[in-house]
C-alpha atoms as a PDB file:
ATOM      1  CA  MET A   1      16.958   1.401 -18.460  1.00  0.00           C
ATOM      2  CA  PRO A   2      19.379  -1.061 -16.847  1.00  0.00           C
ATOM      3  CA  TRP A   3      18.087  -0.270 -13.341  1.00  0.00           C
ATOM      4  CA  GLU A   4      14.406  -1.049 -13.819  1.00  0.00           C
ATOM      5  CA  TYR A   5      11.921  -3.289 -15.547  1.00  0.00           C
ATOM      6  CA  ARG A   6       8.128  -2.920 -15.755  1.00  0.00           C
ATOM      7  CA  ALA A   7       5.521  -5.551 -16.494  1.00  0.00           C
ATOM      8  CA  THR A   8       1.736  -5.598 -16.328  1.00  0.00           C
ATOM      9  CA  ARG A   9      -0.472  -8.428 -15.232  1.00  0.00           C
ATOM     10  CA  ARG A  10      -4.217  -8.905 -14.901  1.00  0.00           C
ATOM     11  CA  VAL A  11      -5.199 -10.682 -11.671  1.00  0.00           C
ATOM     12  CA  GLU A  12      -6.707 -14.068 -12.465  1.00  0.00           C
ATOM     13  CA  PHE A  13      -9.505 -15.740 -10.536  1.00  0.00           C
ATOM     14  CA  SER A  14      -7.241 -18.628  -9.481  1.00  0.00           C
ATOM     15  CA  GLU A  15      -4.952 -16.146  -7.674  1.00  0.00           C
ATOM     16  CA  THR A  16      -7.677 -14.948  -5.327  1.00  0.00           C
ATOM     17  CA  ASP A  17      -9.419 -16.177  -2.201  1.00  0.00           C
ATOM     18  CA  LEU A  18     -13.186 -16.430  -1.663  1.00  0.00           C
ATOM     19  CA  ALA A  19     -13.381 -12.675  -1.120  1.00  0.00           C
ATOM     20  CA  GLY A  20     -11.804 -12.024  -4.539  1.00  0.00           C
ATOM     21  CA  ILE A  21      -8.573 -10.730  -2.962  1.00  0.00           C
ATOM     22  CA  VAL A  22      -5.167 -11.872  -4.224  1.00  0.00           C
ATOM     23  CA  HIS A  23      -3.630 -14.374  -1.810  1.00  0.00           C
ATOM     24  CA  PHE A  24      -0.439 -12.900  -0.308  1.00  0.00           C
ATOM     25  CA  SER A  25       1.746 -15.711  -1.677  1.00  0.00           C
ATOM     26  CA  ASN A  26       0.990 -14.681  -5.261  1.00  0.00           C
ATOM     27  CA  PHE A  27       2.902 -11.433  -4.780  1.00  0.00           C
ATOM     28  CA  PHE A  28       6.039 -13.589  -4.473  1.00  0.00           C
ATOM     29  CA  ARG A  29       5.185 -15.274  -7.786  1.00  0.00           C
ATOM     30  CA  TYR A  30       4.687 -11.858  -9.370  1.00  0.00           C
ATOM     31  CA  MET A  31       8.099 -10.745  -8.049  1.00  0.00           C
ATOM     32  CA  GLU A  32       9.732 -13.793  -9.574  1.00  0.00           C
ATOM     33  CA  THR A  33       7.967 -13.205 -12.899  1.00  0.00           C
ATOM     34  CA  VAL A  34       9.199  -9.604 -13.194  1.00  0.00           C
ATOM     35  CA  GLU A  35      12.710 -10.620 -12.110  1.00  0.00           C
ATOM     36  CA  HIS A  36      12.874 -13.304 -14.807  1.00  0.00           C
ATOM     37  CA  ALA A  37      11.659 -10.787 -17.404  1.00  0.00           C
ATOM     38  CA  PHE A  38      14.341  -8.320 -16.236  1.00  0.00           C
ATOM     39  CA  TRP A  39      17.061 -10.943 -16.809  1.00  0.00           C
ATOM     40  CA  ARG A  40      15.628 -11.847 -20.228  1.00  0.00           C
ATOM     41  CA  SER A  41      15.748  -8.132 -21.160  1.00  0.00           C
ATOM     42  CA  LEU A  42      19.509  -8.338 -20.488  1.00  0.00           C
ATOM     43  CA  GLY A  43      19.823 -11.349 -22.789  1.00  0.00           C
ATOM     44  CA  SER A  44      20.202 -13.853 -19.974  1.00  0.00           C
ATOM     45  CA  SER A  45      18.303 -15.841 -17.351  1.00  0.00           C
ATOM     46  CA  ILE A  46      18.583 -16.521 -13.641  1.00  0.00           C
ATOM     47  CA  ILE A  47      19.926 -19.926 -14.691  1.00  0.00           C
ATOM     48  CA  MET A  48      23.018 -19.079 -16.726  1.00  0.00           C
ATOM     49  CA  THR A  49      24.071 -22.144 -18.706  1.00  0.00           C
ATOM     50  CA  GLN A  50      26.284 -20.053 -21.013  1.00  0.00           C
ATOM     51  CA  PHE A  51      28.984 -20.095 -18.301  1.00  0.00           C
ATOM     52  CA  ASP A  52      31.156 -23.026 -17.247  1.00  0.00           C
ATOM     53  CA  PRO A  53      30.254 -24.005 -14.643  1.00  0.00           C
ATOM     54  CA  PRO A  54      26.643 -22.832 -14.980  1.00  0.00           C
ATOM     55  CA  LEU A  55      25.561 -20.057 -12.619  1.00  0.00           C
ATOM     56  CA  GLY A  56      22.299 -19.386 -10.792  1.00  0.00           C
ATOM     57  CA  MET A  57      20.712 -16.561  -8.807  1.00  0.00           C
ATOM     58  CA  PRO A  58      18.875 -18.020  -5.777  1.00  0.00           C
ATOM     59  CA  ARG A  59      17.071 -15.755  -3.330  1.00  0.00           C
ATOM     60  CA  VAL A  60      18.636 -15.178   0.075  1.00  0.00           C
ATOM     61  CA  HIS A  61      15.935 -12.712   1.134  1.00  0.00           C
ATOM     62  CA  ALA A  62      12.346 -12.172   0.051  1.00  0.00           C
ATOM     63  CA  SER A  63       9.777  -9.915   1.718  1.00  0.00           C
ATOM     64  CA  CYS A  64       6.615  -8.062   0.839  1.00  0.00           C
ATOM     65  CA  ASP A  65       4.751  -5.302   2.661  1.00  0.00           C
ATOM     66  CA  TYR A  66       1.082  -4.890   1.813  1.00  0.00           C
ATOM     67  CA  ARG A  67      -0.889  -1.612   1.855  1.00  0.00           C
ATOM     68  CA  ARG A  68      -4.084  -2.395  -0.053  1.00  0.00           C
ATOM     69  CA  PRO A  69      -5.576  -5.575  -1.515  1.00  0.00           C
ATOM     70  CA  ALA A  70      -5.316  -6.500  -5.170  1.00  0.00           C
ATOM     71  CA  ARG A  71      -8.553  -7.975  -6.502  1.00  0.00           C
ATOM     72  CA  PHE A  72      -9.774 -10.231  -9.277  1.00  0.00           C
ATOM     73  CA  GLU A  73      -9.440  -8.533 -12.700  1.00  0.00           C
ATOM     74  CA  ASP A  74      -7.293  -5.635 -11.399  1.00  0.00           C
ATOM     75  CA  LEU A  75      -4.576  -4.652 -13.861  1.00  0.00           C
ATOM     76  CA  LEU A  76      -1.282  -4.375 -11.992  1.00  0.00           C
ATOM     77  CA  GLU A  77       1.981  -2.751 -12.935  1.00  0.00           C
ATOM     78  CA  ILE A  78       4.878  -4.645 -11.385  1.00  0.00           C
ATOM     79  CA  ARG A  79       8.019  -2.498 -11.348  1.00  0.00           C
ATOM     80  CA  LEU A  80      11.436  -3.908 -10.461  1.00  0.00           C
ATOM     81  CA  LEU A  81      14.080  -1.414  -9.343  1.00  0.00           C
ATOM     82  CA  VAL A  82      17.702  -2.340  -8.614  1.00  0.00           C
ATOM     83  CA  VAL A  83      18.402  -0.884  -5.155  1.00  0.00           C
ATOM     84  CA  GLU A  84      21.807  -2.415  -4.476  1.00  0.00           C
ATOM     85  CA  LYS A  85      24.516  -3.990  -6.613  1.00  0.00           C
ATOM     86  CA  ARG A  86      27.428  -5.826  -5.037  1.00  0.00           C
ATOM     87  CA  THR A  87      30.101  -8.069  -6.485  1.00  0.00           C
ATOM     88  CA  ARG A  88      28.106 -11.250  -5.786  1.00  0.00           C
ATOM     89  CA  SER A  89      24.574 -10.056  -5.109  1.00  0.00           C
ATOM     90  CA  LEU A  90      21.742  -7.792  -6.230  1.00  0.00           C
ATOM     91  CA  SER A  91      18.811  -6.395  -4.279  1.00  0.00           C
ATOM     92  CA  TYR A  92      15.587  -5.321  -5.915  1.00  0.00           C
ATOM     93  CA  GLN A  93      12.587  -3.343  -4.785  1.00  0.00           C
ATOM     94  CA  ILE A  94       9.377  -4.411  -6.475  1.00  0.00           C
ATOM     95  CA  ARG A  95       6.427  -1.990  -6.513  1.00  0.00           C
ATOM     96  CA  PHE A  96       2.909  -3.195  -7.183  1.00  0.00           C
ATOM     97  CA  THR A  97       0.587  -0.510  -8.549  1.00  0.00           C
ATOM     98  CA  ARG A  98      -3.060  -0.965  -9.516  1.00  0.00           C
ATOM     99  CA  ILE A  99      -3.602   0.640 -12.933  1.00  0.00           C
ATOM    100  CA  GLU A 100      -7.201  -0.466 -13.537  1.00  0.00           C
ATOM    101  CA  PRO A 101      -9.657   0.246 -12.211  1.00  0.00           C
ATOM    102  CA  GLY A 102      -8.281   3.707 -11.506  1.00  0.00           C
ATOM    103  CA  PRO A 103      -7.023   5.761  -9.919  1.00  0.00           C
ATOM    104  CA  ARG A 104      -3.432   4.421  -9.911  1.00  0.00           C
ATOM    105  CA  GLU A 105      -2.580   3.250  -6.422  1.00  0.00           C
ATOM    106  CA  GLU A 106       0.433   1.514  -4.942  1.00  0.00           C
ATOM    107  CA  LEU A 107      -0.722  -1.715  -3.294  1.00  0.00           C
ATOM    108  CA  ALA A 108       2.475  -3.314  -2.021  1.00  0.00           C
ATOM    109  CA  ARG A 109       6.265  -3.274  -2.073  1.00  0.00           C
ATOM    110  CA  GLY A 110       8.498  -6.275  -2.147  1.00  0.00           C
ATOM    111  CA  LYS A 111      12.200  -6.830  -1.774  1.00  0.00           C
ATOM    112  CA  LEU A 112      14.364  -9.599  -3.193  1.00  0.00           C
ATOM    113  CA  THR A 113      18.060 -10.177  -2.657  1.00  0.00           C
ATOM    114  CA  VAL A 114      19.716 -12.702  -4.953  1.00  0.00           C
ATOM    115  CA  VAL A 115      23.235 -14.105  -4.973  1.00  0.00           C
ATOM    116  CA  CYS A 116      25.246 -15.366  -7.927  1.00  0.00           C
ATOM    117  CA  VAL A 117      26.292 -18.977  -7.255  1.00  0.00           C
ATOM    118  CA  HIS A 118      27.762 -22.054  -8.854  1.00  0.00           C
ATOM    119  CA  ARG A 119      27.565 -25.648  -7.701  1.00  0.00           C
ATOM    120  CA  THR A 120      30.804 -27.069  -6.270  1.00  0.00           C
ATOM    121  CA  PRO A 121      31.960 -30.621  -7.108  1.00  0.00           C
ATOM    122  CA  SER A 122      30.380 -31.749  -3.805  1.00  0.00           C
ATOM    123  CA  GLY A 123      27.039 -30.260  -4.882  1.00  0.00           C
ATOM    124  CA  ALA A 124      27.040 -27.278  -2.505  1.00  0.00           C
ATOM    125  CA  LEU A 125      26.120 -23.820  -3.712  1.00  0.00           C
ATOM    126  CA  GLU A 126      28.987 -21.334  -3.494  1.00  0.00           C
ATOM    127  CA  SER A 127      28.739 -17.599  -4.100  1.00  0.00           C
ATOM    128  CA  VAL A 128      30.832 -16.202  -6.958  1.00  0.00           C
ATOM    129  CA  PRO A 129      31.171 -12.760  -8.577  1.00  0.00           C
ATOM    130  CA  LEU A 130      28.491 -11.813 -11.075  1.00  0.00           C
ATOM    131  CA  PRO A 131      30.049 -12.087 -14.567  1.00  0.00           C
ATOM    132  CA  SER A 132      31.134  -8.680 -15.840  1.00  0.00           C
ATOM    133  CA  VAL A 133      29.266  -9.202 -19.132  1.00  0.00           C
ATOM    134  CA  LEU A 134      26.065  -9.048 -17.036  1.00  0.00           C
ATOM    135  CA  ALA A 135      27.177  -6.826 -14.153  1.00  0.00           C
ATOM    136  CA  ASP A 136      28.213  -4.099 -16.600  1.00  0.00           C
ATOM    137  CA  GLN A 137      24.612  -3.893 -17.877  1.00  0.00           C
ATOM    138  CA  ILE A 138      23.056  -3.358 -14.443  1.00  0.00           C
ATOM    139  CA  GLU A 139      22.968  -0.091 -12.531  1.00  0.00           C
ATOM    140  CA  VAL A 140      21.405   0.997  -9.247  1.00  0.00           C
ATOM    141  CA  ALA A 141      18.260   3.102  -9.648  1.00  0.00           C
ATOM    142  CA  PRO A 142      18.705   6.829  -9.008  1.00  0.00           C
ATOM    143  CA  ALA A 143      18.121   7.949  -5.414  1.00  0.00           C
ATOM    144  CA  GLU A 144      15.252  10.223  -6.470  1.00  0.00           C
ATOM    145  CA  VAL A 145      13.409   7.234  -7.951  1.00  0.00           C
ATOM    146  CA  LEU A 146      14.023   5.054  -4.906  1.00  0.00           C
ATOM    147  CA  GLY A 147      12.895   7.870  -2.615  1.00  0.00           C
ATOM    148  CA  GLU A 148       9.478   8.270  -4.238  1.00  0.00           C
ATOM    149  CA  PRO A 149       6.635   8.330  -1.701  1.00  0.00           C
ATOM    150  CA  GLY A 150       4.475   5.309  -1.043  1.00  0.00           C
ATOM    151  CA  GLY A 151       6.659   3.226   1.243  1.00  0.00           C
ATOM    152  CA  THR A 152       5.140   0.753   3.628  1.00  0.00           C
ATOM    153  CA  LYS A 153       5.645  -0.189   7.222  1.00  0.00           C
ATOM    154  CA  SER A 154       7.703  -3.300   7.803  1.00  0.00           C
ATOM    155  CA  CYS A 155       5.019  -5.874   8.512  1.00  0.00           C
ATOM    156  CA  GLY A 156       5.423  -8.283   5.618  1.00  0.00           C
ATOM    157  CA  THR A 157       6.378 -11.891   5.110  1.00  0.00           C
ATOM    158  CA  THR A 158      10.049 -12.852   4.892  1.00  0.00           C
ATOM    159  CA  ALA A 159      11.865 -15.919   3.599  1.00  0.00           C
ATOM    160  CA  SER A 160      15.589 -16.652   3.301  1.00  0.00           C
ATOM    161  CA  HIS A 161      17.988 -19.251   1.873  1.00  0.00           C
ATOM    162  CA  PRO A 162      20.350 -20.732   4.519  1.00  0.00           C
ATOM    163  CA  GLN A 163      22.267 -23.186   2.301  1.00  0.00           C
ATOM    164  CA  ILE A 164      24.649 -20.985   0.294  1.00  0.00           C
ATOM    165  CA  SER A 165      28.307 -21.119   1.318  1.00  0.00           C
ATOM    166  CA  GLY A 166      31.100 -18.678   0.627  1.00  0.00           C
ATOM    167  CA  ALA A 167      31.495 -15.023   1.302  1.00  0.00           C
ATOM    168  CA  VAL A 168      27.986 -13.894   0.473  1.00  0.00           C
ATOM    169  CA  GLU A 169      27.730 -10.127   0.328  1.00  0.00           C
ATOM    170  CA  VAL A 170      24.121  -9.347   1.127  1.00  0.00           C
END
């Protein structure tokens, strides 16, 4: 479906702390991995060299709320859902669910907002509309999917990108 992408990943030892719990920063790597796979499923990448000038999709917002720890050797499902689509930006919700060992349990939810940009002659990043050849393939997930239970309280880690100029719709 053009509004979601699912990937699985086994937690590796190097991703954990001394207690065998996944370090919080790895959830951001997992979000990036599933986002890149989503773009590849559309026949593209977050670095779009097929356009002139080339386009990119930097993050302007990244957050993750944690409910339960992921541990060494857990098998995780990482599910990307498109929650908002604008002319120049996309927002995703990423759900982390432990598959093994059972029972299935949602561990965390992340959010990414990305903006389509090109580099100006001066080297600055400037927001531009997402090319229609890509935008036409992407839909927002149905409300009933986005409203599924398992949300988290807002207590996560947030990062943003302050160096993008132009009318950024986020």
